[in-house]
Amino acid sequence: SIVALEKIPNNTAIYPVAQRKIAEYRANLEGINKRVVVEQQAQGEVDNAKKQPNWQKRAPELPPLLRAGKRFTHLGRRQ
């Protein structure tokens, strides 16, 4: 939707609204991208921990699905 908004000519009545929306959408996208990176790093840490011997005994606080080896995307859906 950012691409479509960027195509709105600056001599139209909705141009100022489009510019505000572009800024809003970019800010939202930046926040989402940061969360994805954090979650990918966390998943990497969990994956690395699981490679250690006896990881299940050392991590009783992990949720049952993680102990079962399930992975989740940043949206919480199982992979």
C-alpha atoms as a PDB file:
ATOM      1  CA  SER A   1       0.000   0.000   0.000  1.00  0.00           C
ATOM      2  CA  ILE A   2       2.968   2.346   0.443  1.00  0.00           C
ATOM      3  CA  VAL A   3       3.821   2.006  -3.237  1.00  0.00           C
ATOM      4  CA  ALA A   4       0.264   2.886  -4.244  1.00  0.00           C
ATOM      5  CA  LEU A   5       0.226   5.919  -1.948  1.00  0.00           C
ATOM      6  CA  GLU A   6       3.553   7.122  -3.344  1.00  0.00           C
ATOM      7  CA  LYS A   7       1.995   7.254  -6.810  1.00  0.00           C
ATOM      8  CA  ILE A   8      -0.612   9.836  -5.773  1.00  0.00           C
ATOM      9  CA  PRO A   9       0.225  13.118  -7.538  1.00  0.00           C
ATOM     10  CA  ASN A  10       1.154  16.035  -5.295  1.00  0.00           C
ATOM     11  CA  ASN A  11      -1.430  18.289  -6.925  1.00  0.00           C
ATOM     12  CA  THR A  12      -4.397  16.231  -5.673  1.00  0.00           C
ATOM     13  CA  ALA A  13      -6.550  16.936  -2.641  1.00  0.00           C
ATOM     14  CA  ILE A  14      -5.670  13.616  -1.003  1.00  0.00           C
ATOM     15  CA  TYR A  15      -1.899  14.052  -1.354  1.00  0.00           C
ATOM     16  CA  PRO A  16      -1.400  15.351   2.236  1.00  0.00           C
ATOM     17  CA  VAL A  17      -3.417  12.438   3.620  1.00  0.00           C
ATOM     18  CA  ALA A  18      -1.401  10.012   1.507  1.00  0.00           C
ATOM     19  CA  GLN A  19       1.860  11.451   2.846  1.00  0.00           C
ATOM     20  CA  ARG A  20       0.693  11.048   6.442  1.00  0.00           C
ATOM     21  CA  LYS A  21      -0.363   7.469   5.744  1.00  0.00           C
ATOM     22  CA  ILE A  22       2.996   6.712   4.121  1.00  0.00           C
ATOM     23  CA  ALA A  23       4.787   7.941   7.239  1.00  0.00           C
ATOM     24  CA  GLU A  24       2.436   5.944   9.472  1.00  0.00           C
ATOM     25  CA  TYR A  25       2.823   2.751   7.435  1.00  0.00           C
ATOM     26  CA  ARG A  26       6.620   3.074   7.329  1.00  0.00           C
ATOM     27  CA  ALA A  27       6.753   3.524  11.100  1.00  0.00           C
ATOM     28  CA  ASN A  28       4.533   0.452  11.561  1.00  0.00           C
ATOM     29  CA  LEU A  29       6.679  -1.554   9.151  1.00  0.00           C
ATOM     30  CA  GLU A  30       9.841  -0.574  11.003  1.00  0.00           C
ATOM     31  CA  GLY A  31       8.335  -1.712  14.299  1.00  0.00           C
ATOM     32  CA  ILE A  32       7.213  -5.007  12.795  1.00  0.00           C
ATOM     33  CA  ASN A  33      10.632  -5.633  11.261  1.00  0.00           C
ATOM     34  CA  LYS A  34      12.306  -5.022  14.637  1.00  0.00           C
ATOM     35  CA  ARG A  35       9.948  -7.474  16.335  1.00  0.00           C
ATOM     36  CA  VAL A  36      10.666 -10.093  13.663  1.00  0.00           C
ATOM     37  CA  VAL A  37      14.414  -9.752  14.261  1.00  0.00           C
ATOM     38  CA  VAL A  38      13.979 -10.077  18.036  1.00  0.00           C
ATOM     39  CA  GLU A  39      11.787 -13.149  17.647  1.00  0.00           C
ATOM     40  CA  GLN A  40      14.182 -14.752  15.169  1.00  0.00           C
ATOM     41  CA  GLN A  41      17.047 -14.199  17.611  1.00  0.00           C
ATOM     42  CA  ALA A  42      14.997 -15.706  20.426  1.00  0.00           C
ATOM     43  CA  GLN A  43      14.136 -18.727  18.295  1.00  0.00           C
ATOM     44  CA  GLY A  44      17.825 -19.107  17.468  1.00  0.00           C
ATOM     45  CA  GLU A  45      18.672 -19.093  21.164  1.00  0.00           C
ATOM     46  CA  VAL A  46      16.039 -21.750  21.839  1.00  0.00           C
ATOM     47  CA  ASP A  47      17.334 -23.838  18.934  1.00  0.00           C
ATOM     48  CA  ASN A  48      20.910 -23.535  20.223  1.00  0.00           C
ATOM     49  CA  ALA A  49      19.828 -24.461  23.740  1.00  0.00           C
ATOM     50  CA  LYS A  50      18.079 -27.547  22.395  1.00  0.00           C
ATOM     51  CA  LYS A  51      21.346 -28.731  20.861  1.00  0.00           C
ATOM     52  CA  GLN A  52      22.900 -28.972  24.322  1.00  0.00           C
ATOM     53  CA  PRO A  53      22.896 -32.312  26.119  1.00  0.00           C
ATOM     54  CA  ASN A  54      19.992 -32.787  28.499  1.00  0.00           C
ATOM     55  CA  TRP A  55      18.416 -29.489  27.464  1.00  0.00           C
ATOM     56  CA  GLN A  56      14.992 -30.667  28.575  1.00  0.00           C
ATOM     57  CA  LYS A  57      16.173 -31.194  32.142  1.00  0.00           C
ATOM     58  CA  ARG A  58      17.848 -27.780  32.199  1.00  0.00           C
ATOM     59  CA  ALA A  59      14.864 -25.855  30.878  1.00  0.00           C
ATOM     60  CA  PRO A  60      11.745 -26.936  32.793  1.00  0.00           C
ATOM     61  CA  GLU A  61      10.345 -23.419  32.456  1.00  0.00           C
ATOM     62  CA  LEU A  62      10.043 -23.739  28.676  1.00  0.00           C
ATOM     63  CA  PRO A  63       6.458 -24.023  27.468  1.00  0.00           C
ATOM     64  CA  PRO A  64       5.412 -27.605  26.651  1.00  0.00           C
ATOM     65  CA  LEU A  65       5.209 -26.913  22.915  1.00  0.00           C
ATOM     66  CA  LEU A  66       8.822 -25.743  22.851  1.00  0.00           C
ATOM     67  CA  ARG A  67       9.895 -28.838  24.785  1.00  0.00           C
ATOM     68  CA  ALA A  68       8.044 -30.884  22.179  1.00  0.00           C
ATOM     69  CA  GLY A  69      10.146 -29.242  19.467  1.00  0.00           C
ATOM     70  CA  LYS A  70       7.417 -27.080  17.935  1.00  0.00           C
ATOM     71  CA  ARG A  71       8.441 -23.863  16.186  1.00  0.00           C
ATOM     72  CA  PHE A  72       6.368 -20.739  15.795  1.00  0.00           C
ATOM     73  CA  THR A  73       6.497 -17.902  13.330  1.00  0.00           C
ATOM     74  CA  HIS A  74       6.400 -14.291  14.488  1.00  0.00           C
ATOM     75  CA  LEU A  75       2.618 -14.466  14.149  1.00  0.00           C
ATOM     76  CA  GLY A  76       2.339 -17.357  16.565  1.00  0.00           C
ATOM     77  CA  ARG A  77       1.479 -19.956  13.947  1.00  0.00           C
ATOM     78  CA  ARG A  78       3.082 -23.370  14.081  1.00  0.00           C
ATOM     79  CA  GLN A  79       5.600 -24.253  11.415  1.00  0.00           C
END
